Amino acid sequence: MLVIQLGATDAARRVEASKALVAIGAEAIDALIVGLTDANPQVREMSAWVLSEIKEPAARVVPALITVLTDPDENIRVAGSVILQSQGEPAVPYLIDALSAESSEIRLNAAYALGEIGAPLDTILPALIRTLTDREWNVRRLVVRALVTIGTPAVDSLIQALHSEDPDLRRMAERALNDIGTPKARQAVADARRKFSADR
């Protein structure tokens, strides 16, 4: 009943239901997961926000929130991306798994969220570098954006990718390094271009 109330036209009733569900905590998770598939988009979005406030256990909350990234409503998909960022480091393993999801919408939003979370770098960077060769251009574009958001800490990993045998990986690494734009990043791009020109 409380989950259905999340779709009430009266804002005060929605707030009341949200607070009550957060207070219930983990015991409300199953009902909220059902709410994520409700016909009413208001219920779906509010269910996602309430789940994000409950947070724990992450093993139940985060995979449910990742499904929001394929919601038919674009506003809800965007909200899902923001919500996943708010989960911080506990969401990272699930977001990395989501980089190999069948849905390109999930993959690109997962990449975006990882860039915003930004830590732990030793887990996030290798996953993002691998995804620079995703089959979908939009996913690759969001991975570059995530790496640029991380910035200087991503430079060394991108320089390694710049010397890969895979031309697609080299091209995307070069793009990310150019966008990061530090002297070290720009120098690495110039050096790699000279090396590959000489090898031809």
Protein backbone atom coordinates (compact mmCIF):
# COMPACT_ATOMS: atom_id res chain seq x y z
CA MET A 1 0.00 0.00 0.00
CA LEU A 2 2.81 2.42 0.86
CA VAL A 3 4.51 1.78 -2.48
CA ILE A 4 1.30 2.58 -4.37
CA GLN A 5 1.08 5.78 -2.31
CA LEU A 6 4.39 6.84 -3.91
CA GLY A 7 2.31 7.60 -7.00
CA ALA A 8 -0.17 9.83 -5.18
CA THR A 9 -1.01 13.14 -6.80
CA ASP A 10 -0.66 14.81 -3.41
CA ALA A 11 3.06 15.51 -2.74
CA ALA A 12 2.56 15.33 1.04
CA ARG A 13 1.24 11.76 0.75
CA ARG A 14 4.23 10.79 -1.42
CA VAL A 15 6.66 12.22 1.12
CA GLU A 16 4.84 10.46 3.97
CA ALA A 17 5.03 7.13 2.14
CA SER A 18 8.73 7.64 1.31
CA LYS A 19 9.62 8.35 4.93
CA ALA A 20 7.64 5.36 6.16
CA LEU A 21 9.32 3.02 3.67
CA VAL A 22 12.79 4.29 4.55
CA ALA A 23 11.97 3.74 8.22
CA ILE A 24 10.92 0.15 7.45
CA GLY A 25 14.31 -0.33 5.78
CA ALA A 26 15.44 -3.65 4.32
CA GLU A 27 12.03 -5.26 4.87
CA ALA A 28 10.56 -2.82 2.32
CA ILE A 29 13.04 -3.75 -0.43
CA ASP A 30 10.95 -6.50 -2.05
CA ALA A 31 7.89 -4.24 -2.30
CA LEU A 32 10.02 -1.42 -3.73
CA ILE A 33 11.56 -3.75 -6.32
CA VAL A 34 8.01 -4.58 -7.44
CA GLY A 35 7.36 -0.82 -7.51
CA LEU A 36 10.17 -0.43 -10.06
CA THR A 37 7.96 -2.22 -12.60
CA ASP A 38 4.68 -0.46 -11.76
CA ALA A 39 2.62 0.95 -14.65
CA ASN A 40 2.73 4.38 -13.01
CA PRO A 41 6.06 6.13 -13.81
CA GLN A 42 5.77 8.17 -10.59
CA VAL A 43 5.72 4.94 -8.55
CA ARG A 44 8.72 3.57 -10.48
CA GLU A 45 10.81 6.70 -9.98
CA MET A 46 9.90 7.16 -6.31
CA SER A 47 10.59 3.46 -5.64
CA ALA A 48 14.10 3.95 -7.05
CA TRP A 49 14.73 7.02 -4.89
CA VAL A 50 13.48 5.28 -1.74
CA LEU A 51 15.63 2.21 -2.48
CA SER A 52 18.64 4.51 -2.82
CA GLU A 53 17.97 5.91 0.64
CA ILE A 54 17.72 2.44 2.19
CA LYS A 55 21.10 1.51 0.55
CA GLU A 56 21.69 -1.71 2.49
CA PRO A 57 22.15 -4.49 1.71
CA ALA A 58 23.86 -3.26 -1.45
CA ALA A 59 23.71 -6.78 -2.90
CA ARG A 60 19.91 -6.40 -3.15
CA VAL A 61 19.53 -2.67 -3.64
CA VAL A 62 22.11 -1.93 -6.35
CA PRO A 63 21.17 -4.70 -8.83
CA ALA A 64 17.55 -3.53 -8.54
CA LEU A 65 18.59 0.05 -9.21
CA ILE A 66 20.60 -1.01 -12.27
CA THR A 67 17.38 -2.29 -13.84
CA VAL A 68 16.09 1.31 -13.73
CA LEU A 69 18.62 2.13 -16.47
CA THR A 70 16.33 0.36 -18.98
CA ASP A 71 13.09 2.01 -17.85
CA PRO A 72 10.93 3.07 -20.83
CA ASP A 73 10.82 6.63 -19.45
CA GLU A 74 13.99 8.61 -20.24
CA ASN A 75 13.61 10.82 -17.15
CA ILE A 76 13.58 7.73 -14.95
CA ARG A 77 16.66 6.31 -16.69
CA VAL A 78 18.50 9.58 -16.02
CA ALA A 79 17.34 9.51 -12.39
CA GLY A 80 18.63 5.92 -12.16
CA SER A 81 22.08 7.01 -13.28
CA VAL A 82 22.16 9.78 -10.66
CA ILE A 83 20.84 7.42 -7.99
CA LEU A 84 23.54 4.85 -8.74
CA GLN A 85 26.23 7.51 -8.38
CA SER A 86 24.82 8.34 -4.95
CA GLN A 87 25.43 4.75 -3.83
CA GLY A 88 29.20 5.33 -4.02
CA GLU A 89 31.79 2.59 -3.71
CA PRO A 90 29.37 -0.21 -2.68
CA ALA A 91 27.83 0.10 -6.16
CA VAL A 92 31.14 -0.25 -8.02
CA PRO A 93 31.28 -4.07 -8.41
CA TYR A 94 27.69 -4.14 -9.70
CA LEU A 95 28.33 -1.26 -12.11
CA ILE A 96 31.42 -3.02 -13.44
CA ASP A 97 29.31 -6.14 -14.05
CA ALA A 98 26.79 -3.89 -15.81
CA LEU A 99 29.49 -2.83 -18.31
CA SER A 100 28.96 -6.21 -19.97
CA ALA A 101 25.14 -6.09 -19.93
CA GLU A 102 23.29 -6.85 -23.16
CA SER A 103 21.60 -3.45 -23.06
CA SER A 104 23.79 -0.61 -24.37
CA GLU A 105 21.68 1.78 -22.25
CA ILE A 106 22.81 -0.04 -19.11
CA ARG A 107 26.43 -0.13 -20.26
CA LEU A 108 26.69 3.57 -21.05
CA ASN A 109 24.94 4.65 -17.84
CA ALA A 110 27.10 2.28 -15.80
CA ALA A 111 30.22 3.83 -17.37
CA TYR A 112 28.97 7.32 -16.60
CA ALA A 113 28.22 6.42 -12.97
CA LEU A 114 31.65 4.80 -12.51
CA GLY A 115 33.35 7.97 -13.71
CA GLU A 116 31.35 10.03 -11.23
CA ILE A 117 32.09 7.68 -8.32
CA GLY A 118 35.78 7.57 -9.28
CA ALA A 119 37.04 5.17 -6.61
CA PRO A 120 38.56 2.71 -6.01
CA LEU A 121 40.72 3.52 -9.03
CA ASP A 122 42.46 0.15 -9.12
CA THR A 123 39.06 -1.47 -9.75
CA ILE A 124 37.35 1.17 -11.88
CA LEU A 125 40.18 2.08 -14.29
CA PRO A 126 40.87 -1.41 -15.73
CA ALA A 127 37.13 -1.96 -16.24
CA LEU A 128 36.69 1.35 -18.06
CA ILE A 129 39.81 0.82 -20.20
CA ARG A 130 38.48 -2.59 -21.29
CA THR A 131 35.17 -0.97 -22.23
CA LEU A 132 36.84 1.56 -24.55
CA THR A 133 36.35 -1.06 -27.28
CA ASP A 134 32.62 -1.59 -26.64
CA ARG A 135 30.71 -2.40 -29.83
CA GLU A 136 28.46 0.68 -29.44
CA TRP A 137 29.84 4.15 -30.19
CA ASN A 138 27.68 5.82 -27.52
CA VAL A 139 29.05 3.50 -24.85
CA ARG A 140 32.63 4.23 -25.92
CA ARG A 141 31.85 7.96 -25.83
CA LEU A 142 30.54 7.70 -22.25
CA VAL A 143 33.58 5.64 -21.22
CA VAL A 144 35.86 8.39 -22.56
CA ARG A 145 33.79 10.93 -20.63
CA ALA A 146 34.11 8.82 -17.45
CA LEU A 147 37.89 8.62 -17.85
CA VAL A 148 38.11 12.37 -18.48
CA THR A 149 36.04 12.94 -15.32
CA ILE A 150 38.54 10.85 -13.36
CA GLY A 151 41.24 12.96 -15.02
CA THR A 152 44.94 12.83 -14.09
CA PRO A 153 44.71 9.52 -12.15
CA ALA A 154 43.58 7.85 -15.40
CA VAL A 155 46.53 9.06 -17.48
CA ASP A 156 48.98 6.21 -16.79
CA SER A 157 46.37 3.53 -17.60
CA LEU A 158 45.44 5.37 -20.79
CA ILE A 159 49.10 5.64 -21.81
CA GLN A 160 49.38 1.85 -21.50
CA ALA A 161 46.27 1.49 -23.67
CA LEU A 162 47.84 3.87 -26.18
CA HIS A 163 50.47 1.21 -26.91
CA SER A 164 47.98 -1.63 -27.39
CA GLU A 165 47.98 -3.70 -30.56
CA ASP A 166 44.25 -2.96 -30.85
CA PRO A 167 43.82 0.14 -33.07
CA ASP A 168 40.34 0.86 -31.68
CA LEU A 169 41.66 0.87 -28.12
CA ARG A 170 44.54 3.14 -29.15
CA ARG A 171 42.17 5.56 -30.87
CA MET A 172 39.84 5.86 -27.86
CA ALA A 173 42.75 6.13 -25.42
CA GLU A 174 44.18 8.94 -27.53
CA ARG A 175 40.86 10.73 -27.50
CA ALA A 176 40.60 10.47 -23.71
CA LEU A 177 44.19 11.67 -23.23
CA ASN A 178 43.60 14.64 -25.53
CA ASP A 179 40.46 15.54 -23.58
CA ILE A 180 42.26 15.24 -20.24
CA GLY A 181 44.83 17.55 -21.75
CA THR A 182 47.59 17.56 -19.13
CA PRO A 183 51.16 18.03 -20.47
CA LYS A 184 51.92 14.36 -19.71
CA ALA A 185 48.79 13.21 -21.57
CA ARG A 186 49.53 15.35 -24.62
CA GLN A 187 53.17 14.27 -24.70
CA ALA A 188 52.15 10.61 -24.56
CA VAL A 189 49.85 11.11 -27.55
CA ALA A 190 52.60 12.85 -29.53
CA ASP A 191 55.13 10.11 -28.67
CA ALA A 192 52.69 7.33 -29.65
CA ARG A 193 51.93 9.00 -32.98
CA ARG A 194 55.65 9.24 -33.75
CA LYS A 195 56.20 5.60 -32.77
CA PHE A 196 53.37 4.26 -34.92
CA SER A 197 54.41 6.47 -37.86
CA ALA A 198 57.96 5.13 -37.61
CA ASP A 199 56.68 1.52 -37.40
CA ARG A 200 54.84 1.93 -40.70
